Amino acid sequence: MGYVVTTVRVREDLLKEAKKKSLKLSHLLERALIEELRKERVRRAKRAAKEAAKILEDIDIDEIVKMIREDRER
């Protein structure tokens, strides 16, 4: 896994405070990006689950059971 260099604009006061506290901006940015990507994956998964639920609502379970039983009898 490689790394890339990127540029980020940060408010001057935040940068000064981070430097005073010896915070590594690259680590903070990486953690924030990882967390935001995780949240986006969760949002997409929830959306997909809702769409699947809508599709499954229209399926008649009794009809599926009937089709499976007919198929087994063949």
Foldseek 3Di string as FASTA:
>chain_A
DDDDDDDDDDDPVVVVVCVVVVHDVVVVVVVVVVVVVVVVVVVVVVVVVVVVVVVVVPDDPVVVVVVVVVVVVD
